[in-house]
Amino acid sequence: MKMSYLVLAVVVLSSTACISGARSDQAIASARGPAYDRDLLSAEEMGPRATADMYDAILAHRPFWLRPAGGGRGATAPVIYLDGRRVGSAEVLKQIRAPAVERARYYTLSQAQNRFGKIAVAPAIDITMKAYPEE
């Protein structure tokens, strides 16, 4: 009988911890704003004081994008696309000025294959530059 009460107490305490954890995740998402998307980094989110390059911006806002996917020896680093065209590895991000970027989007491997074709062999980060009107 005492064992049943102990099991019940553990279940109740575990449930309460899970609920409060979910609420804290919701609070974090609310603090980031209603349109927070972990796979999208917009110019608005980078703010008016955007860092000098996109590598630093991604490192500050979405560091998990730069981690190799898949784990182990077969881990693959993301491939960088600029306005939908493949331009290279994460090193290219250091050459892209963050204030000139409209948004960056992260694609998992399967999403990258759907977006860029079966030739995609790694996750992808697609950088969309701002369109400035010609003078």
N, C-alpha and C. Protein backbone atom coordinates (compact mmCIF):
# COMPACT_ATOMS: atom_id res chain seq x y z
N MET A 1 0.82 -1.19 0.00
CA MET A 1 0.00 0.00 0.00
C MET A 1 0.86 1.26 0.00
N LYS A 2 1.93 1.26 0.85
CA LYS A 2 2.81 2.41 0.90
C LYS A 2 3.52 2.61 -0.44
N MET A 3 3.82 1.52 -1.11
CA MET A 3 4.49 1.59 -2.40
C MET A 3 3.60 2.29 -3.43
N SER A 4 2.27 2.03 -3.39
CA SER A 4 1.34 2.66 -4.32
C SER A 4 1.33 4.17 -4.13
N TYR A 5 1.35 4.62 -2.87
CA TYR A 5 1.36 6.06 -2.60
C TYR A 5 2.66 6.69 -3.09
N LEU A 6 3.75 5.97 -2.93
CA LEU A 6 5.05 6.48 -3.37
C LEU A 6 5.07 6.63 -4.89
N VAL A 7 4.58 5.63 -5.59
CA VAL A 7 4.53 5.68 -7.05
C VAL A 7 3.62 6.82 -7.50
N LEU A 8 2.48 6.98 -6.85
CA LEU A 8 1.55 8.05 -7.18
C LEU A 8 2.20 9.41 -6.95
N ALA A 9 2.92 9.58 -5.87
CA ALA A 9 3.59 10.84 -5.57
C ALA A 9 4.65 11.17 -6.62
N VAL A 10 5.39 10.16 -7.05
CA VAL A 10 6.42 10.38 -8.07
C VAL A 10 5.77 10.79 -9.39
N VAL A 11 4.68 10.13 -9.77
CA VAL A 11 3.99 10.46 -11.01
C VAL A 11 3.45 11.88 -10.96
N VAL A 12 2.84 12.27 -9.87
CA VAL A 12 2.28 13.62 -9.73
C VAL A 12 3.39 14.67 -9.80
N LEU A 13 4.50 14.45 -9.10
CA LEU A 13 5.60 15.41 -9.12
C LEU A 13 6.23 15.50 -10.51
N SER A 14 6.36 14.39 -11.19
CA SER A 14 6.93 14.40 -12.54
C SER A 14 6.02 15.16 -13.50
N SER A 15 4.72 14.94 -13.39
CA SER A 15 3.77 15.64 -14.25
C SER A 15 3.82 17.14 -14.02
N THR A 16 3.90 17.54 -12.77
CA THR A 16 3.96 18.96 -12.43
C THR A 16 5.22 19.58 -13.01
N ALA A 17 6.34 18.89 -12.94
CA ALA A 17 7.60 19.41 -13.48
C ALA A 17 7.51 19.56 -14.99
N CYS A 18 6.89 18.60 -15.67
CA CYS A 18 6.75 18.68 -17.12
C CYS A 18 5.87 19.85 -17.53
N ILE A 19 4.77 20.05 -16.81
CA ILE A 19 3.88 21.15 -17.13
C ILE A 19 4.57 22.49 -16.92
N SER A 20 5.29 22.65 -15.82
CA SER A 20 5.97 23.92 -15.58
C SER A 20 7.08 24.13 -16.59
N GLY A 21 7.74 23.05 -17.04
CA GLY A 21 8.77 23.18 -18.07
C GLY A 21 8.18 23.63 -19.38
N ALA A 22 7.00 23.10 -19.73
CA ALA A 22 6.34 23.52 -20.96
C ALA A 22 5.95 24.98 -20.89
N ARG A 23 5.50 25.41 -19.72
CA ARG A 23 5.12 26.81 -19.58
C ARG A 23 6.32 27.71 -19.74
N SER A 24 7.48 27.31 -19.22
CA SER A 24 8.66 28.16 -19.36
C SER A 24 9.10 28.22 -20.82
N ASP A 25 8.96 27.13 -21.59
CA ASP A 25 9.26 27.16 -23.02
C ASP A 25 8.32 28.12 -23.75
N GLN A 26 7.04 28.10 -23.35
CA GLN A 26 6.08 29.02 -23.95
C GLN A 26 6.43 30.45 -23.62
N ALA A 27 6.88 30.69 -22.40
CA ALA A 27 7.25 32.04 -21.99
C ALA A 27 8.45 32.54 -22.79
N ILE A 28 9.41 31.65 -23.06
CA ILE A 28 10.58 32.03 -23.86
C ILE A 28 10.14 32.38 -25.27
N ALA A 29 9.28 31.56 -25.87
CA ALA A 29 8.80 31.83 -27.22
C ALA A 29 8.02 33.14 -27.26
N SER A 30 7.22 33.42 -26.23
CA SER A 30 6.46 34.67 -26.17
C SER A 30 7.39 35.86 -26.06
N ALA A 31 8.46 35.72 -25.29
CA ALA A 31 9.40 36.82 -25.12
C ALA A 31 10.11 37.13 -26.43
N ARG A 32 10.31 36.12 -27.27
CA ARG A 32 10.96 36.34 -28.55
C ARG A 32 10.02 36.98 -29.56
N GLY A 33 8.75 36.93 -29.30
CA GLY A 33 7.77 37.52 -30.20
C GLY A 33 6.89 36.45 -30.81
N PRO A 34 5.73 36.86 -31.32
CA PRO A 34 4.76 35.90 -31.83
C PRO A 34 5.22 35.21 -33.11
N ALA A 35 6.14 35.81 -33.85
CA ALA A 35 6.53 35.24 -35.13
C ALA A 35 7.86 34.51 -35.08
N TYR A 36 8.31 34.09 -33.90
CA TYR A 36 9.60 33.41 -33.79
C TYR A 36 9.57 32.09 -34.55
N ASP A 37 10.58 31.91 -35.37
CA ASP A 37 10.74 30.68 -36.15
C ASP A 37 12.20 30.28 -36.04
N ARG A 38 12.50 29.13 -35.48
CA ARG A 38 13.88 28.71 -35.26
C ARG A 38 14.64 28.47 -36.55
N ASP A 39 13.93 28.32 -37.67
CA ASP A 39 14.57 28.09 -38.96
C ASP A 39 14.66 29.35 -39.81
N LEU A 40 14.27 30.50 -39.25
CA LEU A 40 14.31 31.76 -39.99
C LEU A 40 14.97 32.83 -39.14
N LEU A 41 15.87 33.59 -39.75
CA LEU A 41 16.51 34.72 -39.10
C LEU A 41 16.29 35.93 -39.99
N SER A 42 15.46 36.87 -39.51
CA SER A 42 15.11 38.03 -40.33
C SER A 42 15.97 39.24 -39.99
N ALA A 43 15.96 40.22 -40.88
CA ALA A 43 16.67 41.47 -40.64
C ALA A 43 16.13 42.15 -39.39
N GLU A 44 14.81 42.05 -39.17
CA GLU A 44 14.20 42.66 -37.99
C GLU A 44 14.75 42.03 -36.71
N GLU A 45 14.92 40.71 -36.72
CA GLU A 45 15.44 40.05 -35.53
C GLU A 45 16.90 40.40 -35.28
N MET A 46 17.67 40.55 -36.36
CA MET A 46 19.07 40.94 -36.19
C MET A 46 19.16 42.37 -35.66
N GLY A 47 18.14 43.18 -35.98
CA GLY A 47 18.06 44.52 -35.43
C GLY A 47 18.90 45.54 -36.18
N PRO A 48 18.72 46.80 -35.80
CA PRO A 48 19.43 47.87 -36.49
C PRO A 48 20.94 47.84 -36.23
N ARG A 49 21.35 47.20 -35.16
CA ARG A 49 22.78 47.10 -34.86
C ARG A 49 23.30 45.73 -35.23
N ALA A 50 22.97 45.28 -36.44
CA ALA A 50 23.40 43.96 -36.89
C ALA A 50 24.92 43.87 -36.88
N THR A 51 25.40 42.68 -36.60
CA THR A 51 26.85 42.46 -36.60
C THR A 51 27.41 42.65 -38.00
N ALA A 52 28.69 42.70 -38.11
CA ALA A 52 29.34 42.98 -39.39
C ALA A 52 29.09 41.91 -40.45
N ASP A 53 29.10 40.63 -40.07
CA ASP A 53 28.93 39.58 -41.08
C ASP A 53 27.90 38.55 -40.63
N MET A 54 27.44 37.76 -41.59
CA MET A 54 26.38 36.78 -41.31
C MET A 54 26.88 35.63 -40.45
N TYR A 55 28.15 35.31 -40.50
CA TYR A 55 28.66 34.25 -39.62
C TYR A 55 28.44 34.65 -38.17
N ASP A 56 28.80 35.88 -37.82
CA ASP A 56 28.61 36.36 -36.45
C ASP A 56 27.13 36.48 -36.10
N ALA A 57 26.32 36.92 -37.06
CA ALA A 57 24.88 37.06 -36.80
C ALA A 57 24.25 35.70 -36.50
N ILE A 58 24.60 34.70 -37.29
CA ILE A 58 24.05 33.36 -37.07
C ILE A 58 24.60 32.78 -35.77
N LEU A 59 25.86 33.01 -35.50
CA LEU A 59 26.45 32.54 -34.25
C LEU A 59 25.74 33.16 -33.04
N ALA A 60 25.33 34.42 -33.15
CA ALA A 60 24.66 35.10 -32.05
C ALA A 60 23.20 34.68 -31.90
N HIS A 61 22.51 34.43 -33.01
CA HIS A 61 21.06 34.18 -32.96
C HIS A 61 20.65 32.72 -33.17
N ARG A 62 21.36 31.97 -33.99
CA ARG A 62 21.02 30.58 -34.30
C ARG A 62 22.28 29.72 -34.38
N PRO A 63 23.04 29.60 -33.29
CA PRO A 63 24.32 28.87 -33.37
C PRO A 63 24.18 27.41 -33.79
N PHE A 64 23.04 26.81 -33.52
CA PHE A 64 22.85 25.40 -33.89
C PHE A 64 22.85 25.20 -35.41
N TRP A 65 22.60 26.27 -36.19
CA TRP A 65 22.65 26.15 -37.64
C TRP A 65 24.05 25.77 -38.12
N LEU A 66 25.07 26.19 -37.40
CA LEU A 66 26.44 25.99 -37.84
C LEU A 66 27.04 24.66 -37.40
N ARG A 67 26.34 23.94 -36.55
CA ARG A 67 26.83 22.65 -36.08
C ARG A 67 26.63 21.59 -37.16
N PRO A 68 27.62 20.72 -37.34
CA PRO A 68 27.44 19.64 -38.31
C PRO A 68 26.25 18.75 -37.93
N ALA A 69 25.47 18.37 -38.92
CA ALA A 69 24.29 17.54 -38.69
C ALA A 69 24.65 16.07 -38.86
N GLY A 70 23.98 15.22 -38.14
CA GLY A 70 24.16 13.79 -38.30
C GLY A 70 25.02 13.16 -37.23
N GLY A 71 25.86 13.92 -36.60
CA GLY A 71 26.71 13.39 -35.54
C GLY A 71 27.70 12.36 -36.04
N GLY A 72 28.67 12.07 -35.24
CA GLY A 72 29.66 11.06 -35.58
C GLY A 72 30.56 11.46 -36.73
N ARG A 73 31.19 10.47 -37.34
CA ARG A 73 32.15 10.73 -38.42
C ARG A 73 31.47 11.16 -39.71
N GLY A 74 30.19 10.86 -39.85
CA GLY A 74 29.48 11.22 -41.07
C GLY A 74 28.78 12.56 -40.99
N ALA A 75 29.09 13.36 -39.98
CA ALA A 75 28.42 14.65 -39.80
C ALA A 75 28.72 15.57 -40.98
N THR A 76 27.71 16.31 -41.38
CA THR A 76 27.87 17.21 -42.51
C THR A 76 27.56 18.64 -42.10
N ALA A 77 28.45 19.56 -42.45
CA ALA A 77 28.26 20.97 -42.18
C ALA A 77 27.28 21.53 -43.21
N PRO A 78 26.58 22.60 -42.86
CA PRO A 78 25.62 23.16 -43.81
C PRO A 78 26.29 23.78 -45.04
N VAL A 79 25.59 23.71 -46.15
CA VAL A 79 26.01 24.34 -47.39
C VAL A 79 25.29 25.69 -47.47
N ILE A 80 25.98 26.71 -47.95
CA ILE A 80 25.42 28.05 -48.01
C ILE A 80 24.92 28.36 -49.41
N TYR A 81 23.71 28.89 -49.47
CA TYR A 81 23.12 29.35 -50.72
C TYR A 81 22.88 30.85 -50.58
N LEU A 82 23.12 31.59 -51.65
CA LEU A 82 22.89 33.03 -51.68
C LEU A 82 21.85 33.31 -52.74
N ASP A 83 20.69 33.77 -52.32
CA ASP A 83 19.55 33.99 -53.23
C ASP A 83 19.27 32.75 -54.07
N GLY A 84 19.33 31.57 -53.42
CA GLY A 84 18.98 30.33 -54.08
C GLY A 84 20.11 29.66 -54.87
N ARG A 85 21.30 30.29 -54.93
CA ARG A 85 22.43 29.70 -55.65
C ARG A 85 23.50 29.24 -54.67
N ARG A 86 23.98 28.03 -54.87
CA ARG A 86 25.01 27.48 -53.98
C ARG A 86 26.30 28.29 -54.11
N VAL A 87 26.85 28.70 -52.94
CA VAL A 87 28.07 29.50 -52.96
C VAL A 87 29.20 28.90 -52.13
N GLY A 88 28.94 27.88 -51.33
CA GLY A 88 30.02 27.24 -50.60
C GLY A 88 29.68 26.85 -49.19
N SER A 89 30.72 26.87 -48.33
CA SER A 89 30.58 26.44 -46.94
C SER A 89 30.34 27.63 -46.02
N ALA A 90 30.30 27.35 -44.73
CA ALA A 90 30.02 28.40 -43.73
C ALA A 90 31.05 29.53 -43.76
N GLU A 91 32.24 29.28 -44.28
CA GLU A 91 33.25 30.34 -44.37
C GLU A 91 32.77 31.51 -45.23
N VAL A 92 31.91 31.22 -46.21
CA VAL A 92 31.37 32.26 -47.08
C VAL A 92 30.57 33.29 -46.28
N LEU A 93 29.96 32.84 -45.18
CA LEU A 93 29.14 33.74 -44.36
C LEU A 93 29.94 34.93 -43.83
N LYS A 94 31.24 34.75 -43.68
CA LYS A 94 32.10 35.82 -43.17
C LYS A 94 32.28 36.94 -44.19
N GLN A 95 31.91 36.68 -45.44
CA GLN A 95 32.04 37.68 -46.50
C GLN A 95 30.72 38.39 -46.81
N ILE A 96 29.65 37.99 -46.14
CA ILE A 96 28.33 38.58 -46.39
C ILE A 96 28.00 39.56 -45.28
N ARG A 97 27.77 40.81 -45.64
CA ARG A 97 27.44 41.84 -44.65
C ARG A 97 26.02 41.62 -44.13
N ALA A 98 25.87 41.50 -42.83
CA ALA A 98 24.56 41.25 -42.22
C ALA A 98 23.54 42.36 -42.50
N PRO A 99 23.92 43.65 -42.47
CA PRO A 99 22.92 44.69 -42.75
C PRO A 99 22.33 44.62 -44.16
N ALA A 100 22.98 43.93 -45.09
CA ALA A 100 22.48 43.81 -46.46
C ALA A 100 21.57 42.60 -46.65
N VAL A 101 21.34 41.84 -45.57
CA VAL A 101 20.56 40.60 -45.66
C VAL A 101 19.12 40.85 -45.21
N GLU A 102 18.19 40.37 -46.03
CA GLU A 102 16.77 40.46 -45.67
C GLU A 102 16.40 39.34 -44.71
N ARG A 103 16.87 38.10 -45.02
CA ARG A 103 16.59 36.97 -44.14
C ARG A 103 17.54 35.81 -44.47
N ALA A 104 17.64 34.92 -43.52
CA ALA A 104 18.37 33.67 -43.70
C ALA A 104 17.45 32.56 -43.24
N ARG A 105 17.45 31.47 -43.98
CA ARG A 105 16.60 30.34 -43.63
C ARG A 105 17.44 29.07 -43.59
N TYR A 106 17.20 28.25 -42.55
CA TYR A 106 17.89 26.98 -42.38
C TYR A 106 17.00 25.86 -42.89
N TYR A 107 17.60 24.94 -43.64
CA TYR A 107 16.90 23.76 -44.14
C TYR A 107 17.62 22.50 -43.65
N THR A 108 16.86 21.55 -43.11
CA THR A 108 17.44 20.24 -42.79
C THR A 108 17.80 19.57 -44.12
N LEU A 109 18.46 18.43 -44.05
CA LEU A 109 18.85 17.73 -45.28
C LEU A 109 17.64 17.43 -46.16
N SER A 110 16.59 16.87 -45.57
CA SER A 110 15.41 16.52 -46.39
C SER A 110 14.73 17.77 -46.94
N GLN A 111 14.68 18.85 -46.15
CA GLN A 111 14.11 20.10 -46.64
C GLN A 111 14.98 20.68 -47.76
N ALA A 112 16.30 20.60 -47.60
CA ALA A 112 17.22 21.11 -48.63
C ALA A 112 17.04 20.34 -49.93
N GLN A 113 16.84 19.02 -49.84
CA GLN A 113 16.63 18.23 -51.04
C GLN A 113 15.32 18.60 -51.73
N ASN A 114 14.29 18.90 -50.95
CA ASN A 114 13.02 19.34 -51.53
C ASN A 114 13.16 20.71 -52.18
N ARG A 115 13.94 21.59 -51.57
CA ARG A 115 14.09 22.97 -52.06
C ARG A 115 15.09 23.08 -53.20
N PHE A 116 16.24 22.42 -53.07
CA PHE A 116 17.33 22.59 -54.04
C PHE A 116 17.57 21.38 -54.92
N GLY A 117 16.84 20.30 -54.70
CA GLY A 117 16.99 19.11 -55.51
C GLY A 117 17.78 18.03 -54.78
N LYS A 118 17.75 16.84 -55.35
CA LYS A 118 18.40 15.68 -54.72
C LYS A 118 19.91 15.82 -54.68
N ILE A 119 20.46 16.80 -55.38
CA ILE A 119 21.90 17.02 -55.34
C ILE A 119 22.35 17.51 -53.97
N ALA A 120 21.43 18.05 -53.18
CA ALA A 120 21.76 18.53 -51.83
C ALA A 120 22.16 17.34 -50.97
N VAL A 121 23.35 17.41 -50.37
CA VAL A 121 23.86 16.30 -49.57
C VAL A 121 24.08 16.71 -48.12
N ALA A 122 23.63 17.91 -47.77
CA ALA A 122 23.84 18.43 -46.42
C ALA A 122 22.73 19.43 -46.11
N PRO A 123 22.56 19.76 -44.84
CA PRO A 123 21.63 20.85 -44.51
C PRO A 123 22.07 22.12 -45.24
N ALA A 124 21.19 23.09 -45.32
CA ALA A 124 21.52 24.30 -46.07
C ALA A 124 21.07 25.55 -45.31
N ILE A 125 21.79 26.63 -45.54
CA ILE A 125 21.39 27.95 -45.08
C ILE A 125 21.27 28.80 -46.33
N ASP A 126 20.06 29.30 -46.58
CA ASP A 126 19.81 30.14 -47.76
C ASP A 126 19.71 31.59 -47.31
N ILE A 127 20.58 32.43 -47.82
CA ILE A 127 20.63 33.85 -47.49
C ILE A 127 19.93 34.62 -48.60
N THR A 128 18.95 35.45 -48.23
CA THR A 128 18.26 36.31 -49.19
C THR A 128 18.69 37.74 -48.93
N MET A 129 19.27 38.35 -49.94
CA MET A 129 19.75 39.73 -49.81
C MET A 129 18.60 40.71 -49.97
N LYS A 130 18.76 41.89 -49.38
CA LYS A 130 17.76 42.94 -49.54
C LYS A 130 17.79 43.44 -50.98
N ALA A 131 16.62 43.78 -51.48
CA ALA A 131 16.54 44.34 -52.82
C ALA A 131 16.52 45.85 -52.69
N TYR A 132 17.56 46.49 -53.18
CA TYR A 132 17.62 47.95 -53.12
C TYR A 132 17.15 48.50 -54.45
N PRO A 133 16.28 49.53 -54.41
CA PRO A 133 15.82 50.11 -55.68
C PRO A 133 16.98 50.78 -56.41
N GLU A 134 16.97 50.64 -57.72
CA GLU A 134 18.02 51.26 -58.52
C GLU A 134 17.77 52.77 -58.57
N GLU A 135 18.85 53.52 -58.60
CA GLU A 135 18.72 54.98 -58.62
C GLU A 135 18.95 55.51 -60.00
